[in-house]
Amino acid sequence: MKQPTARQALAHCRREAKRARTGQGRIAWLLRSGAIHEQLNAAGSAEKAYRAALQDDTSCGAAWHGLSELGRLSDLEYRRLPMLVRDTPDDSEQRALLLFAIARERDRHHDSDGAFAAYEEANTIIAGQRPFDGDTLERETNAIKTAFSPDCLAQTPLAEPRGPIFIIGMPRSGTTLLHEMLAAHPALVGGGERDDLLVMAQTLRDISAHSSFAVGCSRLIAGDRRRLAAAYRDACRVDVGKGRRIVDKLPSNYLRAGMVAQVLPTARIIHTRRSPLDTCVSCFTTHFQRGQSFTYSLERLVTAYRLYERLMTHWRAALPPGMLHEVDYEALVREPALVMKGVLDHCGLPWDASCLGYFKNSQPVTSASRWQVREPPHQRSIGRWHRFSKHIGPLLTQWPDHDFGMTEVHRGKR
């Protein structure tokens, strides 16, 4: 079934908010309305929705956080936030959201120490609400590597690139930027963060009665793979229509790259990578609407990132040659045309200059990078970790070489 468009969802929010009139029900619909306006690049309308929510509840952390994300807090409002925090329960999500707003404003005012303290307190609250099991993730990673060996994946040879394009990587590594640039190509449609592969993995887990989907996938016969591929194409066809290919951007699909190779040999995979210090700091200073439990402490981030690195090393050796292409975020923002020509060539597509005008796209953007991709490529986020260097010891211990993973293009050399 085709999902409602953002504008249809927005109209529904307005009706429900009007019907609720007052109370938490109305606030919830106003907050949802504000979030959709953000996705549609309508900052003024989003601000209006958040301020309407504050009229009903002046301590609404989600509304204050939304205004901070928009950069629409006055100095007087900024100074008021600590008082609101004091009146909010210690372990509540509202308190965490107020603290994220304070942190963002302190960051804007160049108070890095104060910002990090607020980020840390906010993350501690959310970490208590979103458990993370590093041991389970490690077992899953090992099971994936065992099931999707080079010999196993060699049984499904690579086919011509005419299928979907999957963008994988860590959150905050440039996946949204690359998605928007590809979605601007006339032969492609941006699918956003689709859950089709997640559903497929869960189906395989249920069928195989094994804790890892990878075991079930590695046992598929040709007919099973064809049926799963058809189901994926059918799910995409509703949103894409005929004649164009979909760009499927769910960062965590790096866990399912082997499944892509087995089930969708006409697909291509693009892996975005960024300095681990910048990636982890960006994750730590972002409040995600759901999931991403590994981002709410530096120690969790180290565990998850190291396992991600281990699996990507495996995929480089195990995936069929020609399926995986890797893009460095730092190179993408410094040399966008050069990098995108390589990406398009990998996907079997001709160069199109519209990819560089992605920020003019009116399509909704739902990820945490929704505002960053509304402007041309910039280098302002490179090296952001430096401002918090006094506080990120667990990260610096893991990656003491501050230029880790940097290519010559990263460093501004050719």
Protein backbone atom coordinates (compact mmCIF):
# COMPACT_ATOMS: atom_id res chain seq x y z
CA MET A 1 0.00 0.00 0.00
CA LYS A 2 1.34 3.43 -0.93
CA GLN A 3 2.25 5.52 2.10
CA PRO A 4 0.66 8.98 2.50
CA THR A 5 2.78 11.86 1.28
CA ALA A 6 4.29 14.32 3.73
CA ARG A 7 1.71 16.92 2.76
CA GLN A 8 -1.14 14.46 3.27
CA ALA A 9 0.29 13.59 6.69
CA LEU A 10 0.55 17.29 7.48
CA ALA A 11 -3.10 17.86 6.61
CA HIS A 12 -4.04 14.95 8.89
CA CYS A 13 -2.01 16.48 11.75
CA ARG A 14 -3.80 19.79 11.36
CA ARG A 15 -7.21 18.15 11.48
CA GLU A 16 -6.34 16.11 14.55
CA ALA A 17 -4.77 19.07 16.38
CA LYS A 18 -7.88 21.13 15.73
CA ARG A 19 -10.10 18.28 16.91
CA ALA A 20 -8.10 17.81 20.11
CA ARG A 21 -8.24 21.56 20.89
CA THR A 22 -6.19 21.36 24.11
CA GLY A 23 -4.08 19.00 26.17
CA GLN A 24 -1.35 16.50 25.41
CA GLY A 25 -3.20 15.13 22.39
CA ARG A 26 -3.10 18.52 20.68
CA ILE A 27 0.55 19.01 21.64
CA ALA A 28 1.49 15.66 20.11
CA TRP A 29 -0.15 16.57 16.81
CA LEU A 30 1.48 20.02 16.81
CA LEU A 31 4.90 18.46 17.40
CA ARG A 32 4.30 15.99 14.60
CA SER A 33 3.22 18.86 12.35
CA GLY A 34 6.40 20.78 13.19
CA ALA A 35 8.56 17.77 12.35
CA ILE A 36 6.88 17.35 8.96
CA HIS A 37 7.34 21.04 8.18
CA GLU A 38 11.04 20.55 8.92
CA GLN A 39 11.14 17.63 6.50
CA LEU A 40 9.59 19.92 3.87
CA ASN A 41 12.15 22.70 4.48
CA ALA A 42 9.44 25.00 5.87
CA ALA A 43 11.28 26.45 8.87
CA GLY A 44 8.78 29.25 9.50
CA SER A 45 5.82 26.88 9.61
CA ALA A 46 7.74 24.46 11.83
CA GLU A 47 8.51 27.28 14.26
CA LYS A 48 4.85 28.26 14.34
CA ALA A 49 3.83 24.69 15.20
CA TYR A 50 6.41 24.38 17.99
CA ARG A 51 5.41 27.73 19.49
CA ALA A 52 1.76 26.68 19.41
CA ALA A 53 2.73 23.58 21.42
CA LEU A 54 4.52 25.80 23.96
CA GLN A 55 1.36 27.83 24.42
CA ASP A 56 -0.25 24.66 25.81
CA ASP A 57 2.83 23.49 27.76
CA THR A 58 5.64 25.97 28.36
CA SER A 59 7.97 23.16 29.53
CA CYS A 60 7.54 20.97 26.44
CA GLY A 61 11.10 19.77 25.82
CA ALA A 62 10.36 18.52 22.32
CA ALA A 63 9.12 21.96 21.24
CA TRP A 64 12.14 23.76 22.73
CA HIS A 65 14.43 21.22 21.09
CA GLY A 66 12.70 21.77 17.76
CA LEU A 67 13.14 25.54 18.01
CA SER A 68 16.82 25.06 18.85
CA GLU A 69 17.28 22.79 15.83
CA LEU A 70 15.75 25.54 13.71
CA GLY A 71 18.01 28.19 15.26
CA ARG A 72 14.92 30.15 16.29
CA LEU A 73 15.52 30.64 20.04
CA SER A 74 15.96 34.19 21.30
CA ASP A 75 18.63 35.00 23.89
CA LEU A 76 15.89 35.45 26.49
CA GLU A 77 14.46 32.01 25.69
CA TYR A 78 17.92 30.46 25.80
CA ARG A 79 18.52 31.87 29.28
CA ARG A 80 15.17 30.49 30.41
CA LEU A 81 15.97 26.87 29.51
CA PRO A 82 18.06 26.01 32.61
CA MET A 83 15.15 27.05 34.83
CA LEU A 84 12.84 24.72 32.91
CA VAL A 85 15.35 21.88 33.35
CA ARG A 86 15.34 22.35 37.13
CA ASP A 87 11.57 21.84 37.19
CA THR A 88 11.64 18.67 35.06
CA PRO A 89 12.02 15.10 36.45
CA ASP A 90 15.62 13.88 36.40
CA ASP A 91 15.13 10.85 34.16
CA SER A 92 12.47 12.18 31.78
CA GLU A 93 12.82 12.47 28.03
CA GLN A 94 11.55 16.04 28.29
CA ARG A 95 14.55 16.90 30.48
CA ALA A 96 16.88 15.25 27.96
CA LEU A 97 15.38 17.25 25.10
CA LEU A 98 15.73 20.50 27.06
CA LEU A 99 19.37 19.62 27.70
CA PHE A 100 19.95 18.89 24.01
CA ALA A 101 18.49 22.33 23.26
CA ILE A 102 20.78 23.96 25.85
CA ALA A 103 23.76 22.09 24.44
CA ARG A 104 22.98 23.22 20.90
CA GLU A 105 22.67 26.85 21.98
CA ARG A 106 25.90 26.73 24.02
CA ASP A 107 27.59 25.22 20.98
CA ARG A 108 26.36 28.14 18.90
CA HIS A 109 27.69 30.54 21.54
CA HIS A 110 31.13 28.82 21.35
CA ASP A 111 30.86 27.42 24.88
CA SER A 112 32.21 23.97 24.02
CA ASP A 113 32.75 22.85 27.60
CA GLY A 114 29.25 23.85 28.67
CA ALA A 115 27.78 22.31 25.53
CA PHE A 116 29.50 18.98 26.09
CA ALA A 117 28.35 18.87 29.73
CA ALA A 118 24.73 19.31 28.60
CA TYR A 119 25.13 16.77 25.80
CA GLU A 120 26.58 14.29 28.28
CA GLU A 121 23.74 14.72 30.78
CA ALA A 122 21.13 14.43 28.03
CA ASN A 123 22.74 11.31 26.60
CA THR A 124 22.92 9.68 30.03
CA ILE A 125 19.16 10.06 30.38
CA ILE A 126 18.42 8.61 26.93
CA ALA A 127 20.95 5.78 27.46
CA GLY A 128 18.90 4.72 30.47
CA GLN A 129 15.81 4.50 28.26
CA ARG A 130 17.40 2.79 25.24
CA PRO A 131 19.48 -0.25 26.29
CA PHE A 132 22.41 -1.31 24.13
CA ASP A 133 23.81 -4.83 24.09
CA GLY A 134 27.29 -4.82 22.60
CA ASP A 135 27.73 -8.57 23.16
CA THR A 136 24.65 -9.34 21.07
CA LEU A 137 25.85 -7.04 18.30
CA GLU A 138 29.23 -8.76 18.32
CA ARG A 139 27.63 -12.20 18.07
CA GLU A 140 25.49 -11.01 15.18
CA THR A 141 28.54 -9.52 13.44
CA ASN A 142 30.45 -12.77 13.78
CA ALA A 143 27.48 -14.79 12.53
CA ILE A 144 27.19 -12.54 9.48
CA LYS A 145 30.88 -12.93 8.65
CA THR A 146 30.67 -16.72 8.99
CA ALA A 147 27.49 -17.12 6.96
CA PHE A 148 28.46 -14.72 4.17
CA SER A 149 31.91 -16.06 3.38
CA PRO A 150 33.58 -15.23 0.05
CA ASP A 151 32.80 -18.77 -1.14
CA CYS A 152 29.14 -18.37 -0.23
CA LEU A 153 28.76 -15.02 -2.00
CA ALA A 154 30.66 -16.25 -5.06
CA GLN A 155 27.70 -18.54 -5.81
CA THR A 156 25.65 -15.50 -6.92
CA PRO A 157 27.70 -13.63 -9.53
CA LEU A 158 27.31 -9.89 -10.00
CA ALA A 159 24.86 -8.82 -12.70
CA GLU A 160 24.57 -5.65 -14.77
CA PRO A 161 23.82 -2.56 -12.61
CA ARG A 162 20.16 -1.95 -13.25
CA GLY A 163 18.72 -2.55 -9.78
CA PRO A 164 18.46 -0.51 -6.58
CA ILE A 165 21.32 1.51 -5.12
CA PHE A 166 21.93 0.98 -1.42
CA ILE A 167 23.74 3.60 0.67
CA ILE A 168 25.24 2.16 3.85
CA GLY A 169 27.51 3.38 6.63
CA MET A 170 27.34 4.81 10.10
CA PRO A 171 24.78 7.51 10.98
CA ARG A 172 26.14 11.03 10.43
CA SER A 173 28.72 9.83 7.92
CA GLY A 174 27.27 11.57 4.86
CA THR A 175 24.62 9.03 3.84
CA THR A 176 21.87 11.66 3.54
CA LEU A 177 24.04 14.02 1.50
CA LEU A 178 24.91 11.25 -0.96
CA HIS A 179 21.27 10.14 -1.08
CA GLU A 180 20.10 13.63 -2.00
CA MET A 181 22.78 14.01 -4.67
CA LEU A 182 21.84 10.70 -6.26
CA ALA A 183 18.11 11.40 -5.95
CA ALA A 184 18.60 14.53 -8.06
CA HIS A 185 19.68 12.34 -11.02
CA PRO A 186 16.83 11.98 -13.56
CA ALA A 187 17.21 8.18 -13.69
CA LEU A 188 16.86 7.76 -9.93
CA VAL A 189 14.29 8.22 -7.17
CA GLY A 190 15.21 8.84 -3.55
CA GLY A 191 13.63 6.17 -1.39
CA GLY A 192 14.92 7.46 1.93
CA GLU A 193 15.42 5.15 4.88
CA ARG A 194 13.38 2.16 3.76
CA ASP A 195 12.87 -0.84 6.03
CA ASP A 196 12.40 -3.46 3.28
CA LEU A 197 15.71 -5.19 4.00
CA LEU A 198 14.95 -5.17 7.73
CA VAL A 199 11.65 -6.91 7.03
CA MET A 200 13.38 -9.38 4.72
CA ALA A 201 15.98 -10.14 7.39
CA GLN A 202 13.30 -10.71 10.02
CA THR A 203 11.46 -13.06 7.65
CA LEU A 204 14.65 -15.08 7.16
CA ARG A 205 15.23 -15.14 10.91
CA ASP A 206 11.72 -16.48 11.48
CA ILE A 207 11.93 -19.08 8.72
CA SER A 208 15.30 -20.43 9.82
CA ALA A 209 14.43 -20.35 13.55
CA HIS A 210 17.92 -18.97 14.13
CA SER A 211 18.93 -15.86 16.04
CA SER A 212 20.80 -14.53 13.00
CA PHE A 213 19.09 -13.78 9.68
CA ALA A 214 22.42 -14.48 7.98
CA VAL A 215 22.15 -18.21 8.63
CA GLY A 216 18.76 -18.36 6.94
CA CYS A 217 19.94 -16.26 4.00
CA SER A 218 23.01 -18.40 3.40
CA ARG A 219 20.79 -21.47 3.05
CA LEU A 220 18.50 -20.01 0.39
CA ILE A 221 18.11 -21.82 -2.90
CA ALA A 222 17.83 -19.95 -6.20
CA GLY A 223 14.03 -19.98 -6.21
CA ASP A 224 13.90 -18.46 -2.72
CA ARG A 225 16.25 -15.67 -3.73
CA ARG A 226 14.16 -14.88 -6.80
CA ARG A 227 10.98 -14.66 -4.70
CA LEU A 228 12.61 -12.33 -2.19
CA ALA A 229 13.98 -10.15 -4.98
CA ALA A 230 10.53 -9.94 -6.58
CA ALA A 231 9.00 -8.96 -3.23
CA TYR A 232 11.55 -6.15 -2.83
CA ARG A 233 10.95 -4.87 -6.36
CA ASP A 234 7.18 -4.94 -5.83
CA ALA A 235 7.51 -2.96 -2.61
CA CYS A 236 9.63 -0.32 -4.36
CA ARG A 237 7.48 -0.17 -7.49
CA VAL A 238 4.61 1.34 -5.52
CA ASP A 239 6.76 4.34 -4.63
CA VAL A 240 8.98 4.55 -7.72
CA GLY A 241 6.87 3.66 -10.72
CA LYS A 242 8.37 2.30 -13.93
CA GLY A 243 11.62 3.30 -15.59
CA ARG A 244 13.63 4.62 -12.67
CA ARG A 245 15.84 3.02 -10.02
CA ILE A 246 15.47 3.55 -6.32
CA VAL A 247 18.11 4.85 -3.91
CA ASP A 248 17.64 2.97 -0.63
CA LYS A 249 19.42 4.75 2.24
CA LEU A 250 19.32 2.97 5.57
CA PRO A 251 22.78 3.25 7.18
CA SER A 252 22.42 0.02 9.19
CA ASN A 253 22.05 -1.98 6.00
CA TYR A 254 25.81 -2.43 6.26
CA LEU A 255 24.76 -5.44 8.36
CA ARG A 256 22.80 -6.78 5.39
CA ALA A 257 25.21 -6.18 2.49
CA GLY A 258 25.69 -9.93 2.04
CA MET A 259 21.94 -10.39 1.73
CA VAL A 260 21.87 -7.72 -0.98
CA ALA A 261 24.59 -9.57 -2.90
CA GLN A 262 22.71 -12.87 -2.72
CA VAL A 263 19.18 -11.66 -3.38
CA LEU A 264 19.70 -8.57 -5.57
CA PRO A 265 22.78 -9.12 -7.77
CA THR A 266 21.76 -6.22 -10.04
CA ALA A 267 22.02 -3.82 -7.07
CA ARG A 268 25.00 -1.67 -6.22
CA ILE A 269 26.18 -0.66 -2.74
CA ILE A 270 27.75 2.67 -1.84
CA HIS A 271 29.50 2.88 1.52
CA THR A 272 29.96 6.37 2.96
CA ARG A 273 32.70 6.79 5.51
CA ARG A 274 33.92 9.75 7.49
CA SER A 275 36.56 10.46 10.12
CA PRO A 276 35.56 8.22 13.06
CA LEU A 277 36.12 11.12 15.46
CA ASP A 278 33.76 13.42 13.55
CA THR A 279 31.25 10.61 13.03
CA CYS A 280 31.12 9.62 16.68
CA VAL A 281 31.00 13.20 17.96
CA SER A 282 28.21 14.01 15.51
CA CYS A 283 26.25 10.96 16.69
CA PHE A 284 26.80 11.87 20.35
CA THR A 285 25.53 15.43 19.81
CA THR A 286 22.39 14.33 17.94
CA HIS A 287 19.09 13.25 19.42
CA PHE A 288 17.65 10.53 17.18
CA GLN A 289 13.90 10.13 17.13
CA ARG A 290 14.16 6.37 17.62
CA GLY A 291 16.69 3.57 17.87
CA GLN A 292 20.43 4.28 17.53
CA SER A 293 20.91 3.24 21.18
CA PHE A 294 24.66 2.93 20.62
CA THR A 295 25.03 6.69 20.13
CA TYR A 296 24.20 7.73 23.71
CA SER A 297 27.61 7.16 25.31
CA LEU A 298 31.17 7.39 24.04
CA GLU A 299 31.87 3.83 25.21
CA ARG A 300 28.88 2.48 23.30
CA LEU A 301 30.00 4.36 20.22
CA VAL A 302 33.47 2.82 20.39
CA THR A 303 31.99 -0.69 20.65
CA ALA A 304 29.55 -0.21 17.76
CA TYR A 305 32.02 1.59 15.52
CA ARG A 306 34.73 -1.03 15.95
CA LEU A 307 32.27 -3.81 15.06
CA TYR A 308 31.13 -1.81 12.03
CA GLU A 309 34.75 -1.42 10.92
CA ARG A 310 35.32 -5.15 11.35
CA LEU A 311 32.31 -6.00 9.19
CA MET A 312 33.20 -3.51 6.47
CA THR A 313 36.68 -5.04 6.28
CA HIS A 314 34.97 -8.39 5.72
CA TRP A 315 32.69 -7.04 2.98
CA ARG A 316 35.63 -5.61 1.06
CA ALA A 317 37.02 -9.12 0.77
CA ALA A 318 33.79 -11.10 0.49
CA LEU A 319 31.39 -9.14 -1.74
CA PRO A 320 31.56 -9.81 -5.48
CA PRO A 321 34.07 -7.47 -7.14
CA GLY A 322 32.28 -4.44 -8.50
CA MET A 323 29.36 -4.43 -6.05
CA LEU A 324 30.81 -2.15 -3.35
CA HIS A 325 32.00 1.42 -3.92
CA GLU A 326 33.30 3.60 -1.08
CA VAL A 327 32.95 7.35 -0.70
CA ASP A 328 34.81 9.50 1.80
CA TYR A 329 32.61 12.29 3.16
CA GLU A 330 35.52 14.71 3.28
CA ALA A 331 36.28 14.11 -0.39
CA LEU A 332 32.60 14.40 -1.32
CA VAL A 333 32.23 17.90 0.12
CA ARG A 334 35.57 19.09 -1.26
CA GLU A 335 35.34 17.55 -4.74
CA PRO A 336 31.62 16.79 -5.25
CA ALA A 337 31.70 16.56 -9.05
CA LEU A 338 34.76 14.30 -9.12
CA VAL A 339 33.38 11.96 -6.44
CA MET A 340 29.88 11.82 -7.92
CA LYS A 341 31.20 10.93 -11.37
CA GLY A 342 32.85 7.88 -9.77
CA VAL A 343 29.65 6.97 -7.94
CA LEU A 344 27.50 7.23 -11.06
CA ASP A 345 29.97 5.23 -13.11
CA HIS A 346 29.87 2.49 -10.48
CA CYS A 347 26.07 2.45 -10.77
CA GLY A 348 26.13 2.30 -14.56
CA LEU A 349 24.74 5.82 -14.96
CA PRO A 350 25.90 8.79 -17.03
CA TRP A 351 27.06 12.01 -15.42
CA ASP A 352 24.30 14.57 -14.82
CA ALA A 353 25.05 18.01 -13.38
CA SER A 354 21.70 18.04 -11.57
CA CYS A 355 23.34 15.93 -8.87
CA LEU A 356 25.21 19.06 -7.77
CA GLY A 357 21.95 21.00 -7.44
CA TYR A 358 20.42 18.53 -4.99
CA PHE A 359 19.75 21.28 -2.42
CA LYS A 360 17.07 22.74 -4.70
CA ASN A 361 15.04 19.54 -4.40
CA SER A 362 11.62 20.03 -2.81
CA GLN A 363 11.22 16.43 -1.68
CA PRO A 364 10.93 15.82 2.09
CA VAL A 365 14.05 14.79 3.99
CA THR A 366 13.40 12.78 7.14
CA SER A 367 16.88 12.14 8.54
CA ALA A 368 18.75 14.13 11.20
CA SER A 369 20.69 15.84 8.38
CA ARG A 370 17.58 17.43 6.89
CA TRP A 371 18.84 21.00 7.26
CA GLN A 372 22.42 20.34 6.18
CA VAL A 373 21.29 19.00 2.81
CA ARG A 374 19.28 22.12 2.05
CA GLU A 375 22.48 23.99 1.16
CA PRO A 376 25.40 23.37 -1.21
CA PRO A 377 28.28 21.13 -0.08
CA HIS A 378 30.41 22.74 2.61
CA GLN A 379 33.39 21.80 4.74
CA ARG A 380 32.28 23.36 8.04
CA SER A 381 31.73 19.99 9.71
CA ILE A 382 35.19 18.61 8.97
CA GLY A 383 37.20 18.44 12.17
CA ARG A 384 34.27 19.43 14.41
CA TRP A 385 35.55 16.98 17.02
CA HIS A 386 38.38 19.41 17.87
CA ARG A 387 36.09 21.70 19.84
CA PHE A 388 35.31 18.82 22.22
CA SER A 389 38.79 17.28 22.31
CA LYS A 390 39.11 17.68 26.11
CA HIS A 391 36.07 15.50 26.66
CA ILE A 392 36.32 12.63 24.18
CA GLY A 393 39.11 10.58 25.70
CA PRO A 394 37.53 7.19 24.87
CA LEU A 395 37.43 8.17 21.19
CA LEU A 396 40.95 9.61 21.07
CA THR A 397 42.29 6.47 22.71
CA GLN A 398 40.84 4.40 19.86
CA TRP A 399 41.77 6.76 17.04
CA PRO A 400 44.87 8.70 18.14
CA ASP A 401 45.80 9.40 14.53
CA HIS A 402 43.57 12.39 13.94
CA ASP A 403 43.83 11.97 10.17
CA PHE A 404 42.68 8.36 10.37
CA GLY A 405 41.23 7.27 7.04
CA MET A 406 42.09 10.57 5.38
CA THR A 407 43.05 10.42 1.72
CA GLU A 408 45.14 13.05 -0.03
CA VAL A 409 41.89 14.66 -1.19
CA HIS A 410 40.78 14.76 2.47
CA ARG A 411 43.84 16.80 3.31
CA GLY A 412 43.25 19.16 0.44
CA LYS A 413 46.05 17.68 -1.69
CA ARG A 414 45.77 16.15 -5.13
